[in-house]
């Protein structure tokens, strides 16, 4: 972190990792981790396509993401509805996660040392939160489905509810983890 700051890089926000409880036993983790994303690793894309060279990565993998932009800083202990009121926009995108550990075998502490496995983040078009029904946004975001395809062939599918029951739940949980003020 100090080296990045010394080079003039700016932290733009944070990512939450290990939000899929189903993979926790495989990696020996039992709660999510978080880490910064940097202005040098984030790219906004206003189209459905992005191109990136994978040459700089050791063992890249692709993860679909739902991202939030804040109108104001949330505090620990907020309800989902109060947390939603802090959000200005929602966007979909994808992250290239990467590790320097062979065959993706590492201890939990290694992932933190490896910048929470963050390689690059591509942020899609921003959708104002006014598009969502405040009372049902957590369920609506949790129901988002993603299909990963390669050369027109479906490779994998997923739903956002594996992300600690949904992206808004995950966001609330990380706020509680940092603030230690929630149940």
C-alpha atoms as a PDB file:
ATOM      1  CA  UNK A   1       0.000   0.000   0.000  1.00  0.00           C
ATOM      2  CA  UNK A   2       2.795   2.410   0.934  1.00  0.00           C
ATOM      3  CA  UNK A   3       4.596   1.738  -2.350  1.00  0.00           C
ATOM      4  CA  UNK A   4       1.433   2.384  -4.371  1.00  0.00           C
ATOM      5  CA  UNK A   5       0.776   5.638  -2.529  1.00  0.00           C
ATOM      6  CA  UNK A   6       4.412   6.689  -2.982  1.00  0.00           C
ATOM      7  CA  UNK A   7       4.016   6.131  -6.748  1.00  0.00           C
ATOM      8  CA  UNK A   8       1.048   8.498  -6.728  1.00  0.00           C
ATOM      9  CA  UNK A   9      -1.674   5.863  -6.986  1.00  0.00           C
ATOM     10  CA  UNK A  10      -5.018   6.585  -5.324  1.00  0.00           C
ATOM     11  CA  UNK A  11      -7.318   4.094  -3.635  1.00  0.00           C
ATOM     12  CA  UNK A  12     -10.731   4.483  -5.307  1.00  0.00           C
ATOM     13  CA  UNK A  13     -12.672   2.136  -3.093  1.00  0.00           C
ATOM     14  CA  UNK A  14     -12.696  -1.353  -1.696  1.00  0.00           C
ATOM     15  CA  UNK A  15     -13.486  -4.827  -2.896  1.00  0.00           C
ATOM     16  CA  UNK A  16     -14.908  -7.622  -0.815  1.00  0.00           C
ATOM     17  CA  UNK A  17     -13.400 -11.042  -1.400  1.00  0.00           C
ATOM     18  CA  UNK A  18     -14.436 -14.548  -0.439  1.00  0.00           C
ATOM     19  CA  UNK A  19     -18.114 -13.677  -0.457  1.00  0.00           C
ATOM     20  CA  UNK A  20     -19.115 -17.129  -1.702  1.00  0.00           C
ATOM     21  CA  UNK A  21     -19.422 -19.292   1.419  1.00  0.00           C
ATOM     22  CA  UNK A  22     -19.306 -22.387  -0.796  1.00  0.00           C
ATOM     23  CA  UNK A  23     -15.580 -21.919  -1.464  1.00  0.00           C
ATOM     24  CA  UNK A  24     -14.543 -21.159   2.117  1.00  0.00           C
ATOM     25  CA  UNK A  25     -13.551 -24.746   3.027  1.00  0.00           C
ATOM     26  CA  UNK A  26     -11.454 -25.058  -0.164  1.00  0.00           C
ATOM     27  CA  UNK A  27      -9.402 -21.992   0.762  1.00  0.00           C
ATOM     28  CA  UNK A  28      -9.506 -22.296   4.546  1.00  0.00           C
ATOM     29  CA  UNK A  29     -11.320 -18.996   5.070  1.00  0.00           C
ATOM     30  CA  UNK A  30     -14.369 -18.430   7.215  1.00  0.00           C
ATOM     31  CA  UNK A  31     -15.272 -14.832   6.565  1.00  0.00           C
ATOM     32  CA  UNK A  32     -14.882 -12.324   3.750  1.00  0.00           C
ATOM     33  CA  UNK A  33     -11.790 -10.213   3.284  1.00  0.00           C
ATOM     34  CA  UNK A  34     -11.519  -6.741   1.842  1.00  0.00           C
ATOM     35  CA  UNK A  35      -8.867  -4.728   0.103  1.00  0.00           C
ATOM     36  CA  UNK A  36      -8.454  -1.514  -1.862  1.00  0.00           C
ATOM     37  CA  UNK A  37      -8.867  -1.051  -5.587  1.00  0.00           C
ATOM     38  CA  UNK A  38      -6.607   1.525  -7.188  1.00  0.00           C
ATOM     39  CA  UNK A  39      -6.981   4.145  -9.892  1.00  0.00           C
ATOM     40  CA  UNK A  40      -4.348   2.194 -11.846  1.00  0.00           C
ATOM     41  CA  UNK A  41      -6.403  -1.038 -11.741  1.00  0.00           C
ATOM     42  CA  UNK A  42      -9.931   0.253 -12.428  1.00  0.00           C
ATOM     43  CA  UNK A  43     -11.414   1.022 -15.832  1.00  0.00           C
ATOM     44  CA  UNK A  44     -14.888   2.275 -16.654  1.00  0.00           C
ATOM     45  CA  UNK A  45     -16.488   0.686 -19.671  1.00  0.00           C
ATOM     46  CA  UNK A  46     -19.677   1.981 -21.215  1.00  0.00           C
ATOM     47  CA  UNK A  47     -20.081  -0.934 -23.569  1.00  0.00           C
ATOM     48  CA  UNK A  48     -20.624  -4.651 -23.054  1.00  0.00           C
ATOM     49  CA  UNK A  49     -17.050  -5.426 -24.100  1.00  0.00           C
ATOM     50  CA  UNK A  50     -13.634  -4.734 -22.683  1.00  0.00           C
ATOM     51  CA  UNK A  51     -10.253  -5.907 -23.890  1.00  0.00           C
ATOM     52  CA  UNK A  52      -7.277  -6.480 -21.641  1.00  0.00           C
ATOM     53  CA  UNK A  53      -3.957  -8.268 -21.997  1.00  0.00           C
ATOM     54  CA  UNK A  54      -3.559 -11.058 -19.464  1.00  0.00           C
ATOM     55  CA  UNK A  55       0.242 -11.040 -19.838  1.00  0.00           C
ATOM     56  CA  UNK A  56       0.741  -9.107 -16.584  1.00  0.00           C
ATOM     57  CA  UNK A  57      -1.097 -11.706 -14.502  1.00  0.00           C
ATOM     58  CA  UNK A  58       0.218 -14.916 -12.952  1.00  0.00           C
ATOM     59  CA  UNK A  59      -2.971 -16.996 -12.777  1.00  0.00           C
ATOM     60  CA  UNK A  60      -5.947 -14.833 -13.790  1.00  0.00           C
ATOM     61  CA  UNK A  61      -9.575 -15.750 -13.226  1.00  0.00           C
ATOM     62  CA  UNK A  62     -12.693 -13.811 -14.099  1.00  0.00           C
ATOM     63  CA  UNK A  63     -15.415 -12.855 -11.603  1.00  0.00           C
ATOM     64  CA  UNK A  64     -18.629 -10.964 -12.352  1.00  0.00           C
ATOM     65  CA  UNK A  65     -19.197  -8.087  -9.954  1.00  0.00           C
ATOM     66  CA  UNK A  66     -21.864  -5.683  -8.752  1.00  0.00           C
ATOM     67  CA  UNK A  67     -20.406  -2.383  -7.614  1.00  0.00           C
ATOM     68  CA  UNK A  68     -21.766   0.516  -5.609  1.00  0.00           C
ATOM     69  CA  UNK A  69     -20.905   4.209  -5.736  1.00  0.00           C
ATOM     70  CA  UNK A  70     -21.650   6.199  -2.599  1.00  0.00           C
ATOM     71  CA  UNK A  71     -23.325   9.573  -2.272  1.00  0.00           C
ATOM     72  CA  UNK A  72     -22.208   9.660   1.359  1.00  0.00           C
ATOM     73  CA  UNK A  73     -20.108   7.497   3.656  1.00  0.00           C
ATOM     74  CA  UNK A  74     -22.111   4.781   5.393  1.00  0.00           C
ATOM     75  CA  UNK A  75     -21.559   4.006   9.043  1.00  0.00           C
ATOM     76  CA  UNK A  76     -21.562   0.638  10.766  1.00  0.00           C
ATOM     77  CA  UNK A  77     -24.859  -0.619  12.070  1.00  0.00           C
ATOM     78  CA  UNK A  78     -27.103   0.709   9.304  1.00  0.00           C
ATOM     79  CA  UNK A  79     -30.093  -1.315   8.202  1.00  0.00           C
ATOM     80  CA  UNK A  80     -30.126  -2.449   4.553  1.00  0.00           C
ATOM     81  CA  UNK A  81     -32.557   0.374   3.765  1.00  0.00           C
ATOM     82  CA  UNK A  82     -30.384   2.984   5.491  1.00  0.00           C
ATOM     83  CA  UNK A  83     -27.332   1.631   3.686  1.00  0.00           C
ATOM     84  CA  UNK A  84     -29.188   1.849   0.377  1.00  0.00           C
ATOM     85  CA  UNK A  85     -29.873   5.540   1.105  1.00  0.00           C
ATOM     86  CA  UNK A  86     -26.081   6.126   1.107  1.00  0.00           C
ATOM     87  CA  UNK A  87     -25.686   4.691  -2.397  1.00  0.00           C
ATOM     88  CA  UNK A  88     -25.727   6.902  -5.497  1.00  0.00           C
ATOM     89  CA  UNK A  89     -25.326   4.283  -8.232  1.00  0.00           C
ATOM     90  CA  UNK A  90     -25.021   0.566  -8.938  1.00  0.00           C
ATOM     91  CA  UNK A  91     -23.008  -0.966 -11.801  1.00  0.00           C
ATOM     92  CA  UNK A  92     -22.212  -4.397 -13.105  1.00  0.00           C
ATOM     93  CA  UNK A  93     -18.792  -5.354 -14.330  1.00  0.00           C
ATOM     94  CA  UNK A  94     -16.067  -7.889 -13.846  1.00  0.00           C
ATOM     95  CA  UNK A  95     -12.863  -8.297 -11.941  1.00  0.00           C
ATOM     96  CA  UNK A  96      -9.758 -10.141 -12.960  1.00  0.00           C
ATOM     97  CA  UNK A  97      -8.602 -11.848  -9.799  1.00  0.00           C
ATOM     98  CA  UNK A  98      -5.071 -13.148  -9.675  1.00  0.00           C
ATOM     99  CA  UNK A  99      -2.670 -14.822  -7.316  1.00  0.00           C
ATOM    100  CA  UNK A 100       1.057 -15.281  -7.224  1.00  0.00           C
ATOM    101  CA  UNK A 101       0.657 -18.614  -5.430  1.00  0.00           C
ATOM    102  CA  UNK A 102       0.948 -21.718  -7.626  1.00  0.00           C
ATOM    103  CA  UNK A 103      -2.280 -23.549  -8.476  1.00  0.00           C
ATOM    104  CA  UNK A 104      -4.311 -21.090  -6.396  1.00  0.00           C
ATOM    105  CA  UNK A 105      -3.106 -22.763  -3.199  1.00  0.00           C
ATOM    106  CA  UNK A 106      -2.603 -20.355  -0.366  1.00  0.00           C
ATOM    107  CA  UNK A 107      -3.425 -19.637   3.239  1.00  0.00           C
ATOM    108  CA  UNK A 108      -5.982 -16.990   4.141  1.00  0.00           C
ATOM    109  CA  UNK A 109      -3.271 -14.530   5.195  1.00  0.00           C
ATOM    110  CA  UNK A 110      -1.589 -14.952   1.801  1.00  0.00           C
ATOM    111  CA  UNK A 111      -4.657 -13.521   0.058  1.00  0.00           C
ATOM    112  CA  UNK A 112      -4.417 -10.334   2.074  1.00  0.00           C
ATOM    113  CA  UNK A 113      -0.691 -10.053   1.292  1.00  0.00           C
ATOM    114  CA  UNK A 114      -1.603 -10.622  -2.373  1.00  0.00           C
ATOM    115  CA  UNK A 115      -3.839  -7.485  -2.415  1.00  0.00           C
ATOM    116  CA  UNK A 116      -7.034  -9.471  -1.821  1.00  0.00           C
ATOM    117  CA  UNK A 117      -6.331 -11.207  -5.159  1.00  0.00           C
ATOM    118  CA  UNK A 118      -7.267  -8.018  -7.030  1.00  0.00           C
ATOM    119  CA  UNK A 119      -5.845  -7.643 -10.522  1.00  0.00           C
ATOM    120  CA  UNK A 120      -8.127  -5.363 -12.567  1.00  0.00           C
ATOM    121  CA  UNK A 121     -11.687  -4.135 -12.256  1.00  0.00           C
ATOM    122  CA  UNK A 122     -13.931  -3.133 -15.148  1.00  0.00           C
ATOM    123  CA  UNK A 123     -16.942  -1.046 -14.112  1.00  0.00           C
ATOM    124  CA  UNK A 124     -19.934  -1.024 -16.449  1.00  0.00           C
ATOM    125  CA  UNK A 125     -22.509   1.720 -16.924  1.00  0.00           C
ATOM    126  CA  UNK A 126     -23.666   3.341 -13.697  1.00  0.00           C
ATOM    127  CA  UNK A 127     -27.348   2.911 -12.906  1.00  0.00           C
ATOM    128  CA  UNK A 128     -28.834   5.538 -10.551  1.00  0.00           C
ATOM    129  CA  UNK A 129     -30.321   3.932  -7.442  1.00  0.00           C
ATOM    130  CA  UNK A 130     -33.613   5.700  -8.162  1.00  0.00           C
ATOM    131  CA  UNK A 131     -34.221   2.926 -10.697  1.00  0.00           C
ATOM    132  CA  UNK A 132     -34.602   0.441  -7.812  1.00  0.00           C
ATOM    133  CA  UNK A 133     -37.474  -0.007  -5.389  1.00  0.00           C
ATOM    134  CA  UNK A 134     -35.940   0.822  -1.994  1.00  0.00           C
ATOM    135  CA  UNK A 135     -38.038  -1.815  -0.226  1.00  0.00           C
ATOM    136  CA  UNK A 136     -36.993  -4.626  -2.576  1.00  0.00           C
ATOM    137  CA  UNK A 137     -33.517  -3.648  -3.801  1.00  0.00           C
ATOM    138  CA  UNK A 138     -31.703  -6.272  -1.710  1.00  0.00           C
ATOM    139  CA  UNK A 139     -33.820  -9.055  -3.226  1.00  0.00           C
ATOM    140  CA  UNK A 140     -33.607  -7.569  -6.723  1.00  0.00           C
ATOM    141  CA  UNK A 141     -29.810  -7.407  -6.636  1.00  0.00           C
ATOM    142  CA  UNK A 142     -29.576 -10.887  -5.092  1.00  0.00           C
ATOM    143  CA  UNK A 143     -31.597 -12.292  -8.011  1.00  0.00           C
ATOM    144  CA  UNK A 144     -29.189 -11.028 -10.697  1.00  0.00           C
ATOM    145  CA  UNK A 145     -28.073 -13.921 -12.896  1.00  0.00           C
ATOM    146  CA  UNK A 146     -24.886 -14.051 -14.939  1.00  0.00           C
ATOM    147  CA  UNK A 147     -23.901 -16.323 -17.812  1.00  0.00           C
ATOM    148  CA  UNK A 148     -20.225 -16.638 -18.696  1.00  0.00           C
ATOM    149  CA  UNK A 149     -19.768 -17.589 -22.335  1.00  0.00           C
ATOM    150  CA  UNK A 150     -16.716 -18.157 -24.491  1.00  0.00           C
ATOM    151  CA  UNK A 151     -17.003 -18.169 -28.274  1.00  0.00           C
ATOM    152  CA  UNK A 152     -20.784 -18.444 -27.984  1.00  0.00           C
ATOM    153  CA  UNK A 153     -20.622 -21.463 -25.666  1.00  0.00           C
ATOM    154  CA  UNK A 154     -21.999 -21.244 -22.127  1.00  0.00           C
ATOM    155  CA  UNK A 155     -19.196 -21.992 -19.670  1.00  0.00           C
ATOM    156  CA  UNK A 156     -20.771 -21.209 -16.312  1.00  0.00           C
ATOM    157  CA  UNK A 157     -23.807 -19.553 -14.738  1.00  0.00           C
ATOM    158  CA  UNK A 158     -24.268 -17.925 -11.384  1.00  0.00           C
ATOM    159  CA  UNK A 159     -26.571 -15.865  -9.213  1.00  0.00           C
ATOM    160  CA  UNK A 160     -25.697 -12.909  -7.045  1.00  0.00           C
ATOM    161  CA  UNK A 161     -27.312 -14.497  -3.982  1.00  0.00           C
ATOM    162  CA  UNK A 162     -24.150 -16.599  -3.464  1.00  0.00           C
ATOM    163  CA  UNK A 163     -22.483 -13.297  -2.533  1.00  0.00           C
ATOM    164  CA  UNK A 164     -23.282 -13.530   1.197  1.00  0.00           C
ATOM    165  CA  UNK A 165     -27.001 -13.723   0.287  1.00  0.00           C
ATOM    166  CA  UNK A 166     -26.751 -10.762  -2.111  1.00  0.00           C
ATOM    167  CA  UNK A 167     -24.536  -7.757  -2.879  1.00  0.00           C
ATOM    168  CA  UNK A 168     -26.309  -5.370  -0.506  1.00  0.00           C
ATOM    169  CA  UNK A 169     -26.060  -7.942   2.300  1.00  0.00           C
ATOM    170  CA  UNK A 170     -22.330  -8.326   1.569  1.00  0.00           C
ATOM    171  CA  UNK A 171     -21.847  -4.572   1.647  1.00  0.00           C
ATOM    172  CA  UNK A 172     -23.632  -4.336   4.993  1.00  0.00           C
ATOM    173  CA  UNK A 173     -21.600  -7.232   6.365  1.00  0.00           C
ATOM    174  CA  UNK A 174     -18.259  -5.668   5.470  1.00  0.00           C
ATOM    175  CA  UNK A 175     -19.402  -2.413   7.095  1.00  0.00           C
ATOM    176  CA  UNK A 176     -20.285  -4.347  10.199  1.00  0.00           C
ATOM    177  CA  UNK A 177     -16.950  -6.190  10.090  1.00  0.00           C
ATOM    178  CA  UNK A 178     -15.046  -2.919   9.903  1.00  0.00           C
ATOM    179  CA  UNK A 179     -17.205  -1.185  12.478  1.00  0.00           C
ATOM    180  CA  UNK A 180     -17.902  -4.221  14.672  1.00  0.00           C
ATOM    181  CA  UNK A 181     -21.257  -2.639  15.522  1.00  0.00           C
ATOM    182  CA  UNK A 182     -23.699  -5.110  13.936  1.00  0.00           C
ATOM    183  CA  UNK A 183     -25.026  -8.439  15.077  1.00  0.00           C
END
